[in-house]
Amino acid sequence: MAGSPDHEQEDRGSQNTIIHLQSYLHGGTSSLLSTLPTVFVFPVYKTIFRQQIHNAPVHQAVGQLYKEGPLKLYRGVVPPLLMRTLNGTLLFGLQDTLLRHLSPSTTTSAAALPALAGFGAGVVEAVVFTPFERVQNVLQNGHNDKHLPSLRSVLMKLKVERISQGYYRAFLPIAARNAFGSSLYFGLKGPVCAVVAGQGLSPLVSSFISGTVTSMVISLTLYPLSVLVANMQAQVGGEVKGVTACWRQLWKSRNHSLISLYRGGSLVILRSCITWGVTTAIYDRQQKGSS
């Protein structure tokens, strides 16, 4: 019967499932829309990557890309496009799912729950997307063009490597970066948005500013880990070093200078702030529209 308790419970269960899935859909949609400009700014991103790998000034990095020619300029663009869209789907959806499971059972302060759920989502994100990042970094390293000329050749080469040296090279720093980054993002974006909204700005603008400010804090804090990951993942084969040894080598190559370590960081941070500002604004708008 339509009015029976069993039928009502079934309807509520279906509605809850739809609500849970919406966060995955909204996360993917917002990430996809904010990622489309990546196609246009990818040459800038690739320039930054060369600075991270070779510790080169901008004009030298641009010179490298110029010598390689326009046909190789967009080599490596597919993984970040796929990764960013899938990343938003998993990150927002999983964080929301974890938050719903934590809320009724945990004794942790309610204010800390979004950050805790974000930490868990970041760890899972690292497990899923480390192979994407590994392939992307190998493709973007110009030193690999001759012996690894195509995506297929990269995939085949990594496949025969040990998993910790192949697809999951640099997993530990990626897991640390993603877990703490996601924790900071979900822990800070709500309070920052509330403070900005208190100044009389619209919800859309408040969400954008919240995403921008939060991303700036995360990027400034965790950028060295991204540089470490890029250097660990750019090569295939050769001498294999652990995280500590790679960090010491990187720090030495930067002459023990934070300024050198953050070379290219200003462009990365600017791009990240804009991307996450747009993503946060679109996601929050979709969530409010469906609630």
C-alpha atoms as a PDB file:
ATOM      1  CA  MET A   1       0.000   0.000   0.000  1.00  0.00           C
ATOM      2  CA  ALA A   2       1.152   3.524  -0.819  1.00  0.00           C
ATOM      3  CA  GLY A   3       0.761   4.686   2.748  1.00  0.00           C
ATOM      4  CA  SER A   4       2.386   1.721   4.455  1.00  0.00           C
ATOM      5  CA  PRO A   5       5.434   2.272   6.723  1.00  0.00           C
ATOM      6  CA  ASP A   6       7.520  -0.094   4.590  1.00  0.00           C
ATOM      7  CA  HIS A   7       6.757   1.878   1.441  1.00  0.00           C
ATOM      8  CA  GLU A   8       7.529   5.195   3.125  1.00  0.00           C
ATOM      9  CA  GLN A   9      10.817   3.815   4.438  1.00  0.00           C
ATOM     10  CA  GLU A  10      11.702   2.604   0.933  1.00  0.00           C
ATOM     11  CA  ASP A  11      10.930   6.052  -0.521  1.00  0.00           C
ATOM     12  CA  ARG A  12      13.127   7.733   2.092  1.00  0.00           C
ATOM     13  CA  GLY A  13      15.926   5.298   1.316  1.00  0.00           C
ATOM     14  CA  SER A  14      15.705   6.106  -2.400  1.00  0.00           C
ATOM     15  CA  GLN A  15      15.717   9.840  -1.698  1.00  0.00           C
ATOM     16  CA  ASN A  16      18.770   9.495   0.561  1.00  0.00           C
ATOM     17  CA  THR A  17      20.605   7.570  -2.156  1.00  0.00           C
ATOM     18  CA  ILE A  18      19.868  10.317  -4.670  1.00  0.00           C
ATOM     19  CA  ILE A  19      21.040  12.988  -2.228  1.00  0.00           C
ATOM     20  CA  HIS A  20      24.270  11.065  -1.586  1.00  0.00           C
ATOM     21  CA  LEU A  21      24.930  10.680  -5.320  1.00  0.00           C
ATOM     22  CA  GLN A  22      24.307  14.377  -5.987  1.00  0.00           C
ATOM     23  CA  SER A  23      27.522  15.362  -4.223  1.00  0.00           C
ATOM     24  CA  TYR A  24      29.486  13.114  -6.618  1.00  0.00           C
ATOM     25  CA  LEU A  25      27.683  14.593  -9.630  1.00  0.00           C
ATOM     26  CA  HIS A  26      28.076  18.169  -8.455  1.00  0.00           C
ATOM     27  CA  GLY A  27      31.748  17.617  -7.635  1.00  0.00           C
ATOM     28  CA  GLY A  28      32.433  16.236 -11.113  1.00  0.00           C
ATOM     29  CA  THR A  29      30.472  18.971 -12.862  1.00  0.00           C
ATOM     30  CA  SER A  30      32.097  21.827 -10.970  1.00  0.00           C
ATOM     31  CA  SER A  31      35.574  20.372 -11.512  1.00  0.00           C
ATOM     32  CA  LEU A  32      34.964  19.811 -15.224  1.00  0.00           C
ATOM     33  CA  LEU A  33      33.760  23.380 -15.778  1.00  0.00           C
ATOM     34  CA  SER A  34      36.685  24.838 -13.850  1.00  0.00           C
ATOM     35  CA  THR A  35      39.140  22.596 -15.708  1.00  0.00           C
ATOM     36  CA  LEU A  36      38.192  23.570 -19.272  1.00  0.00           C
ATOM     37  CA  PRO A  37      40.556  26.578 -19.184  1.00  0.00           C
ATOM     38  CA  THR A  38      43.386  24.075 -18.558  1.00  0.00           C
ATOM     39  CA  VAL A  39      43.476  23.437 -22.300  1.00  0.00           C
ATOM     40  CA  PHE A  40      44.377  27.067 -22.924  1.00  0.00           C
ATOM     41  CA  VAL A  41      46.837  27.524 -20.059  1.00  0.00           C
ATOM     42  CA  PHE A  42      48.508  24.111 -20.350  1.00  0.00           C
ATOM     43  CA  PRO A  43      51.676  25.613 -21.922  1.00  0.00           C
ATOM     44  CA  VAL A  44      52.036  27.757 -18.795  1.00  0.00           C
ATOM     45  CA  TYR A  45      51.551  24.695 -16.596  1.00  0.00           C
ATOM     46  CA  LYS A  46      54.168  22.810 -18.595  1.00  0.00           C
ATOM     47  CA  THR A  47      56.598  25.716 -18.225  1.00  0.00           C
ATOM     48  CA  ILE A  48      56.143  25.563 -14.456  1.00  0.00           C
ATOM     49  CA  PHE A  49      56.758  21.816 -14.487  1.00  0.00           C
ATOM     50  CA  ARG A  50      60.071  22.316 -16.288  1.00  0.00           C
ATOM     51  CA  GLN A  51      61.048  24.881 -13.658  1.00  0.00           C
ATOM     52  CA  GLN A  52      60.249  22.378 -10.905  1.00  0.00           C
ATOM     53  CA  ILE A  53      62.295  19.632 -12.563  1.00  0.00           C
ATOM     54  CA  HIS A  54      65.309  21.537 -13.890  1.00  0.00           C
ATOM     55  CA  ASN A  55      65.360  24.500 -11.474  1.00  0.00           C
ATOM     56  CA  ALA A  56      65.414  26.731 -14.542  1.00  0.00           C
ATOM     57  CA  PRO A  57      64.277  30.366 -14.883  1.00  0.00           C
ATOM     58  CA  VAL A  58      61.227  31.105 -17.016  1.00  0.00           C
ATOM     59  CA  HIS A  59      63.136  32.021 -20.192  1.00  0.00           C
ATOM     60  CA  GLN A  60      65.078  28.748 -20.139  1.00  0.00           C
ATOM     61  CA  ALA A  61      61.935  26.667 -19.584  1.00  0.00           C
ATOM     62  CA  VAL A  62      60.184  28.489 -22.435  1.00  0.00           C
ATOM     63  CA  GLY A  63      63.270  27.944 -24.618  1.00  0.00           C
ATOM     64  CA  GLN A  64      63.088  24.185 -23.974  1.00  0.00           C
ATOM     65  CA  LEU A  65      59.468  24.050 -25.089  1.00  0.00           C
ATOM     66  CA  TYR A  66      60.201  26.220 -28.128  1.00  0.00           C
ATOM     67  CA  LYS A  67      62.964  23.876 -29.289  1.00  0.00           C
ATOM     68  CA  GLU A  68      60.707  20.838 -28.897  1.00  0.00           C
ATOM     69  CA  GLY A  69      58.170  22.417 -31.232  1.00  0.00           C
ATOM     70  CA  PRO A  70      54.385  22.980 -31.197  1.00  0.00           C
ATOM     71  CA  LEU A  71      53.538  19.312 -31.811  1.00  0.00           C
ATOM     72  CA  LYS A  72      54.912  18.362 -28.382  1.00  0.00           C
ATOM     73  CA  LEU A  73      53.570  21.396 -26.571  1.00  0.00           C
ATOM     74  CA  TYR A  74      50.390  19.585 -25.487  1.00  0.00           C
ATOM     75  CA  ARG A  75      52.063  16.266 -24.749  1.00  0.00           C
ATOM     76  CA  GLY A  76      50.690  15.200 -21.350  1.00  0.00           C
ATOM     77  CA  VAL A  77      47.496  17.293 -21.383  1.00  0.00           C
ATOM     78  CA  VAL A  78      45.065  14.331 -21.314  1.00  0.00           C
ATOM     79  CA  PRO A  79      45.923  12.944 -17.825  1.00  0.00           C
ATOM     80  CA  PRO A  80      45.325  16.240 -15.966  1.00  0.00           C
ATOM     81  CA  LEU A  81      42.007  16.796 -17.759  1.00  0.00           C
ATOM     82  CA  LEU A  82      40.769  13.323 -16.865  1.00  0.00           C
ATOM     83  CA  MET A  83      42.260  13.445 -13.397  1.00  0.00           C
ATOM     84  CA  ARG A  84      40.786  16.816 -12.506  1.00  0.00           C
ATOM     85  CA  THR A  85      37.238  15.841 -13.516  1.00  0.00           C
ATOM     86  CA  LEU A  86      37.354  12.444 -11.826  1.00  0.00           C
ATOM     87  CA  ASN A  87      39.150  13.998  -8.870  1.00  0.00           C
ATOM     88  CA  GLY A  88      36.308  16.416  -8.174  1.00  0.00           C
ATOM     89  CA  THR A  89      33.747  13.629  -8.489  1.00  0.00           C
ATOM     90  CA  LEU A  90      35.546  11.431  -5.971  1.00  0.00           C
ATOM     91  CA  LEU A  91      36.780  14.144  -3.613  1.00  0.00           C
ATOM     92  CA  PHE A  92      33.491  15.979  -3.041  1.00  0.00           C
ATOM     93  CA  GLY A  93      31.361  12.844  -3.181  1.00  0.00           C
ATOM     94  CA  LEU A  94      33.514  10.762  -0.855  1.00  0.00           C
ATOM     95  CA  GLN A  95      33.987  13.602   1.615  1.00  0.00           C
ATOM     96  CA  ASP A  96      30.207  14.066   1.783  1.00  0.00           C
ATOM     97  CA  THR A  97      29.689  10.311   2.209  1.00  0.00           C
ATOM     98  CA  LEU A  98      32.272  10.098   5.004  1.00  0.00           C
ATOM     99  CA  LEU A  99      30.818  13.179   6.668  1.00  0.00           C
ATOM    100  CA  ARG A 100      27.343  11.616   6.735  1.00  0.00           C
ATOM    101  CA  HIS A 101      28.731   8.466   8.358  1.00  0.00           C
ATOM    102  CA  LEU A 102      30.821  10.379  10.883  1.00  0.00           C
ATOM    103  CA  SER A 103      28.145  12.842  11.991  1.00  0.00           C
ATOM    104  CA  PRO A 104      25.852  10.565  14.005  1.00  0.00           C
ATOM    105  CA  SER A 105      28.505   8.329  15.545  1.00  0.00           C
ATOM    106  CA  THR A 106      31.702  10.215  16.249  1.00  0.00           C
ATOM    107  CA  THR A 107      32.561  12.034  19.469  1.00  0.00           C
ATOM    108  CA  THR A 108      34.771  14.496  17.575  1.00  0.00           C
ATOM    109  CA  SER A 109      33.788  18.171  17.641  1.00  0.00           C
ATOM    110  CA  ALA A 110      31.260  18.934  14.911  1.00  0.00           C
ATOM    111  CA  ALA A 111      33.452  21.752  13.591  1.00  0.00           C
ATOM    112  CA  ALA A 112      36.269  19.286  12.921  1.00  0.00           C
ATOM    113  CA  LEU A 113      34.140  16.710  11.069  1.00  0.00           C
ATOM    114  CA  PRO A 114      34.455  18.258   7.573  1.00  0.00           C
ATOM    115  CA  ALA A 115      38.248  18.325   7.931  1.00  0.00           C
ATOM    116  CA  LEU A 116      38.333  14.749   9.213  1.00  0.00           C
ATOM    117  CA  ALA A 117      36.166  13.540   6.326  1.00  0.00           C
ATOM    118  CA  GLY A 118      38.348  15.521   3.932  1.00  0.00           C
ATOM    119  CA  PHE A 119      41.461  13.798   5.270  1.00  0.00           C
ATOM    120  CA  GLY A 120      39.958  10.380   4.558  1.00  0.00           C
ATOM    121  CA  ALA A 121      38.832  11.455   1.094  1.00  0.00           C
ATOM    122  CA  GLY A 122      42.334  12.753   0.358  1.00  0.00           C
ATOM    123  CA  VAL A 123      43.921   9.391   1.200  1.00  0.00           C
ATOM    124  CA  VAL A 124      41.529   7.537  -1.115  1.00  0.00           C
ATOM    125  CA  GLU A 125      42.137  10.196  -3.760  1.00  0.00           C
ATOM    126  CA  ALA A 126      45.873   9.492  -3.592  1.00  0.00           C
ATOM    127  CA  VAL A 127      45.307   5.754  -4.029  1.00  0.00           C
ATOM    128  CA  VAL A 128      43.168   6.315  -7.123  1.00  0.00           C
ATOM    129  CA  PHE A 129      45.044   9.143  -8.835  1.00  0.00           C
ATOM    130  CA  THR A 130      48.738   8.536  -8.147  1.00  0.00           C
ATOM    131  CA  PRO A 131      49.034   6.529 -11.417  1.00  0.00           C
ATOM    132  CA  PHE A 132      47.494   9.447 -13.361  1.00  0.00           C
ATOM    133  CA  GLU A 133      49.971  11.888 -11.875  1.00  0.00           C
ATOM    134  CA  ARG A 134      52.842   9.499 -12.533  1.00  0.00           C
ATOM    135  CA  VAL A 135      51.967   9.189 -16.247  1.00  0.00           C
ATOM    136  CA  GLN A 136      51.450  12.943 -16.545  1.00  0.00           C
ATOM    137  CA  ASN A 137      54.851  13.760 -15.049  1.00  0.00           C
ATOM    138  CA  VAL A 138      56.656  11.228 -17.239  1.00  0.00           C
ATOM    139  CA  LEU A 139      54.980  12.624 -20.369  1.00  0.00           C
ATOM    140  CA  GLN A 140      55.843  16.221 -19.486  1.00  0.00           C
ATOM    141  CA  ASN A 141      59.527  15.527 -18.953  1.00  0.00           C
ATOM    142  CA  GLY A 142      61.226  16.325 -22.260  1.00  0.00           C
ATOM    143  CA  HIS A 143      64.116  13.964 -21.439  1.00  0.00           C
ATOM    144  CA  ASN A 144      61.730  11.040 -21.936  1.00  0.00           C
ATOM    145  CA  ASP A 145      60.630  11.981 -25.466  1.00  0.00           C
ATOM    146  CA  LYS A 146      63.125   9.786 -27.311  1.00  0.00           C
ATOM    147  CA  HIS A 147      62.750   6.480 -25.479  1.00  0.00           C
ATOM    148  CA  LEU A 148      59.120   7.015 -24.407  1.00  0.00           C
ATOM    149  CA  PRO A 149      57.571   8.832 -27.374  1.00  0.00           C
ATOM    150  CA  SER A 150      53.892   8.020 -26.782  1.00  0.00           C
ATOM    151  CA  LEU A 151      51.333   7.473 -24.045  1.00  0.00           C
ATOM    152  CA  ARG A 152      51.222   3.782 -24.923  1.00  0.00           C
ATOM    153  CA  SER A 153      54.994   3.418 -24.509  1.00  0.00           C
ATOM    154  CA  VAL A 154      54.842   5.112 -21.107  1.00  0.00           C
ATOM    155  CA  LEU A 155      52.045   2.831 -19.927  1.00  0.00           C
ATOM    156  CA  MET A 156      53.882  -0.285 -21.093  1.00  0.00           C
ATOM    157  CA  LYS A 157      57.129   0.822 -19.433  1.00  0.00           C
ATOM    158  CA  LEU A 158      55.469   1.546 -16.101  1.00  0.00           C
ATOM    159  CA  LYS A 159      53.561  -1.722 -16.259  1.00  0.00           C
ATOM    160  CA  VAL A 160      56.734  -3.827 -16.135  1.00  0.00           C
ATOM    161  CA  GLU A 161      58.183  -1.838 -13.226  1.00  0.00           C
ATOM    162  CA  ARG A 162      57.563  -2.788  -9.600  1.00  0.00           C
ATOM    163  CA  ILE A 163      54.338  -1.130  -8.507  1.00  0.00           C
ATOM    164  CA  SER A 164      56.150   1.070  -5.965  1.00  0.00           C
ATOM    165  CA  GLN A 165      58.568   2.261  -8.661  1.00  0.00           C
ATOM    166  CA  GLY A 166      56.105   2.248 -11.552  1.00  0.00           C
ATOM    167  CA  TYR A 167      52.593   3.619 -11.273  1.00  0.00           C
ATOM    168  CA  TYR A 168      52.837   4.283  -7.530  1.00  0.00           C
ATOM    169  CA  ARG A 169      56.172   6.063  -7.432  1.00  0.00           C
ATOM    170  CA  ALA A 170      56.072   8.869  -4.797  1.00  0.00           C
ATOM    171  CA  PHE A 171      52.828   7.590  -3.281  1.00  0.00           C
ATOM    172  CA  LEU A 172      53.718   8.622   0.291  1.00  0.00           C
ATOM    173  CA  PRO A 173      54.311  12.331  -0.430  1.00  0.00           C
ATOM    174  CA  ILE A 174      51.225  12.381  -2.666  1.00  0.00           C
ATOM    175  CA  ALA A 175      49.108  10.815   0.078  1.00  0.00           C
ATOM    176  CA  ALA A 176      50.429  13.328   2.628  1.00  0.00           C
ATOM    177  CA  ARG A 177      49.840  16.267   0.272  1.00  0.00           C
ATOM    178  CA  ASN A 178      46.327  15.197  -0.752  1.00  0.00           C
ATOM    179  CA  ALA A 179      45.182  14.170   2.727  1.00  0.00           C
ATOM    180  CA  PHE A 180      46.333  17.363   4.457  1.00  0.00           C
ATOM    181  CA  GLY A 181      45.274  19.517   1.493  1.00  0.00           C
ATOM    182  CA  SER A 182      41.752  18.074   1.437  1.00  0.00           C
ATOM    183  CA  SER A 183      41.518  18.335   5.210  1.00  0.00           C
ATOM    184  CA  LEU A 184      42.471  22.015   5.109  1.00  0.00           C
ATOM    185  CA  TYR A 185      40.107  22.721   2.200  1.00  0.00           C
ATOM    186  CA  PHE A 186      36.984  21.211   3.736  1.00  0.00           C
ATOM    187  CA  GLY A 187      37.892  22.414   7.202  1.00  0.00           C
ATOM    188  CA  LEU A 188      38.459  26.040   6.198  1.00  0.00           C
ATOM    189  CA  LYS A 189      36.117  26.774   3.290  1.00  0.00           C
ATOM    190  CA  GLY A 190      32.943  26.804   5.416  1.00  0.00           C
ATOM    191  CA  PRO A 191      34.201  29.173   8.139  1.00  0.00           C
ATOM    192  CA  VAL A 192      35.911  31.454   5.575  1.00  0.00           C
ATOM    193  CA  CYS A 193      32.721  31.576   3.493  1.00  0.00           C
ATOM    194  CA  ALA A 194      30.684  32.493   6.586  1.00  0.00           C
ATOM    195  CA  VAL A 195      33.081  35.334   7.444  1.00  0.00           C
ATOM    196  CA  VAL A 196      32.978  36.713   3.889  1.00  0.00           C
ATOM    197  CA  ALA A 197      29.201  36.378   3.663  1.00  0.00           C
ATOM    198  CA  GLY A 198      28.992  38.370   6.887  1.00  0.00           C
ATOM    199  CA  GLN A 199      30.382  41.345   4.952  1.00  0.00           C
ATOM    200  CA  GLY A 200      27.214  41.449   2.865  1.00  0.00           C
ATOM    201  CA  LEU A 201      28.518  39.714  -0.273  1.00  0.00           C
ATOM    202  CA  SER A 202      26.367  37.324  -2.291  1.00  0.00           C
ATOM    203  CA  PRO A 203      26.604  33.556  -1.633  1.00  0.00           C
ATOM    204  CA  LEU A 204      28.242  32.968  -5.035  1.00  0.00           C
ATOM    205  CA  VAL A 205      30.949  35.583  -4.449  1.00  0.00           C
ATOM    206  CA  SER A 206      31.450  34.373  -0.876  1.00  0.00           C
ATOM    207  CA  SER A 207      32.004  30.803  -2.086  1.00  0.00           C
ATOM    208  CA  PHE A 208      34.443  31.968  -4.763  1.00  0.00           C
ATOM    209  CA  ILE A 209      36.490  34.016  -2.282  1.00  0.00           C
ATOM    210  CA  SER A 210      36.381  31.148   0.219  1.00  0.00           C
ATOM    211  CA  GLY A 211      37.743  28.696  -2.363  1.00  0.00           C
ATOM    212  CA  THR A 212      40.401  31.171  -3.459  1.00  0.00           C
ATOM    213  CA  VAL A 213      41.669  32.003   0.030  1.00  0.00           C
ATOM    214  CA  THR A 214      41.601  28.383   1.162  1.00  0.00           C
ATOM    215  CA  SER A 215      43.482  27.277  -1.944  1.00  0.00           C
ATOM    216  CA  MET A 216      46.131  29.935  -1.366  1.00  0.00           C
ATOM    217  CA  VAL A 217      46.758  28.665   2.172  1.00  0.00           C
ATOM    218  CA  ILE A 218      46.992  25.062   0.955  1.00  0.00           C
ATOM    219  CA  SER A 219      49.209  25.861  -2.021  1.00  0.00           C
ATOM    220  CA  LEU A 220      51.671  27.949   0.004  1.00  0.00           C
ATOM    221  CA  THR A 221      51.900  25.241   2.644  1.00  0.00           C
ATOM    222  CA  LEU A 222      52.126  22.141   0.460  1.00  0.00           C
ATOM    223  CA  TYR A 223      53.849  23.381  -2.708  1.00  0.00           C
ATOM    224  CA  PRO A 224      57.245  21.854  -1.714  1.00  0.00           C
ATOM    225  CA  LEU A 225      55.597  18.418  -1.654  1.00  0.00           C
ATOM    226  CA  SER A 226      54.381  18.948  -5.227  1.00  0.00           C
ATOM    227  CA  VAL A 227      57.928  19.816  -6.305  1.00  0.00           C
ATOM    228  CA  LEU A 228      59.223  16.677  -4.585  1.00  0.00           C
ATOM    229  CA  VAL A 229      56.577  14.536  -6.311  1.00  0.00           C
ATOM    230  CA  ALA A 230      57.364  16.005  -9.725  1.00  0.00           C
ATOM    231  CA  ASN A 231      61.063  15.263  -9.318  1.00  0.00           C
ATOM    232  CA  MET A 232      60.456  11.731  -8.039  1.00  0.00           C
ATOM    233  CA  GLN A 233      57.995  10.834 -10.798  1.00  0.00           C
ATOM    234  CA  ALA A 234      59.541  12.473 -13.853  1.00  0.00           C
ATOM    235  CA  GLN A 235      62.102   9.705 -14.460  1.00  0.00           C
ATOM    236  CA  VAL A 236      61.557   6.047 -15.292  1.00  0.00           C
ATOM    237  CA  GLY A 237      64.212   3.508 -14.393  1.00  0.00           C
ATOM    238  CA  GLY A 238      67.716   4.384 -13.235  1.00  0.00           C
ATOM    239  CA  GLU A 239      68.715   4.670  -9.592  1.00  0.00           C
ATOM    240  CA  VAL A 240      65.764   4.414  -7.250  1.00  0.00           C
ATOM    241  CA  LYS A 241      65.882   6.504  -4.081  1.00  0.00           C
ATOM    242  CA  GLY A 242      63.511   6.770  -1.170  1.00  0.00           C
ATOM    243  CA  VAL A 243      61.523   9.839  -0.137  1.00  0.00           C
ATOM    244  CA  THR A 244      64.116  11.079   2.365  1.00  0.00           C
ATOM    245  CA  ALA A 245      67.023  10.700  -0.054  1.00  0.00           C
ATOM    246  CA  CYS A 246      65.063  12.408  -2.841  1.00  0.00           C
ATOM    247  CA  TRP A 247      64.166  15.308  -0.547  1.00  0.00           C
ATOM    248  CA  ARG A 248      67.799  15.764   0.477  1.00  0.00           C
ATOM    249  CA  GLN A 249      68.867  15.725  -3.150  1.00  0.00           C
ATOM    250  CA  LEU A 250      66.161  18.230  -4.080  1.00  0.00           C
ATOM    251  CA  TRP A 251      67.010  20.539  -1.171  1.00  0.00           C
ATOM    252  CA  LYS A 252      70.689  20.389  -2.100  1.00  0.00           C
ATOM    253  CA  SER A 253      69.948  21.124  -5.773  1.00  0.00           C
ATOM    254  CA  ARG A 254      68.050  24.238  -4.651  1.00  0.00           C
ATOM    255  CA  ASN A 255      71.090  25.396  -2.650  1.00  0.00           C
ATOM    256  CA  HIS A 256      69.118  25.053   0.596  1.00  0.00           C
ATOM    257  CA  SER A 257      66.977  28.005  -0.494  1.00  0.00           C
ATOM    258  CA  LEU A 258      63.200  28.253  -0.061  1.00  0.00           C
ATOM    259  CA  ILE A 259      63.096  30.870  -2.801  1.00  0.00           C
ATOM    260  CA  SER A 260      64.584  28.398  -5.266  1.00  0.00           C
ATOM    261  CA  LEU A 261      62.314  25.643  -4.004  1.00  0.00           C
ATOM    262  CA  TYR A 262      59.283  27.813  -4.737  1.00  0.00           C
ATOM    263  CA  ARG A 263      60.494  28.620  -8.261  1.00  0.00           C
ATOM    264  CA  GLY A 264      57.416  28.692 -10.505  1.00  0.00           C
ATOM    265  CA  GLY A 265      55.181  28.548  -7.458  1.00  0.00           C
ATOM    266  CA  SER A 266      53.543  31.913  -7.998  1.00  0.00           C
ATOM    267  CA  LEU A 267      51.922  30.758 -11.246  1.00  0.00           C
ATOM    268  CA  VAL A 268      50.843  27.448  -9.708  1.00  0.00           C
ATOM    269  CA  ILE A 269      49.292  29.197  -6.719  1.00  0.00           C
ATOM    270  CA  LEU A 270      47.519  31.750  -8.926  1.00  0.00           C
ATOM    271  CA  ARG A 271      46.103  29.033 -11.178  1.00  0.00           C
ATOM    272  CA  SER A 272      45.069  26.925  -8.175  1.00  0.00           C
ATOM    273  CA  CYS A 273      43.334  29.872  -6.495  1.00  0.00           C
ATOM    274  CA  ILE A 274      41.265  30.660  -9.586  1.00  0.00           C
ATOM    275  CA  THR A 275      40.437  27.007 -10.301  1.00  0.00           C
ATOM    276  CA  TRP A 276      39.363  26.202  -6.758  1.00  0.00           C
ATOM    277  CA  GLY A 277      37.514  29.492  -6.431  1.00  0.00           C
ATOM    278  CA  VAL A 278      35.407  28.624  -9.482  1.00  0.00           C
ATOM    279  CA  THR A 279      35.008  24.997  -8.395  1.00  0.00           C
ATOM    280  CA  THR A 280      33.845  25.979  -4.904  1.00  0.00           C
ATOM    281  CA  ALA A 281      31.387  28.577  -6.225  1.00  0.00           C
ATOM    282  CA  ILE A 282      29.828  26.161  -8.742  1.00  0.00           C
ATOM    283  CA  TYR A 283      29.670  23.269  -6.267  1.00  0.00           C
ATOM    284  CA  ASP A 284      28.095  25.316  -3.473  1.00  0.00           C
ATOM    285  CA  ARG A 285      25.574  26.789  -5.915  1.00  0.00           C
ATOM    286  CA  GLN A 286      24.555  23.331  -7.130  1.00  0.00           C
ATOM    287  CA  GLN A 287      24.305  21.972  -3.590  1.00  0.00           C
ATOM    288  CA  LYS A 288      22.073  24.848  -2.457  1.00  0.00           C
ATOM    289  CA  GLY A 289      19.941  24.508  -5.572  1.00  0.00           C
ATOM    290  CA  SER A 290      19.259  20.822  -4.897  1.00  0.00           C
ATOM    291  CA  SER A 291      18.662  21.102  -1.163  1.00  0.00           C
END
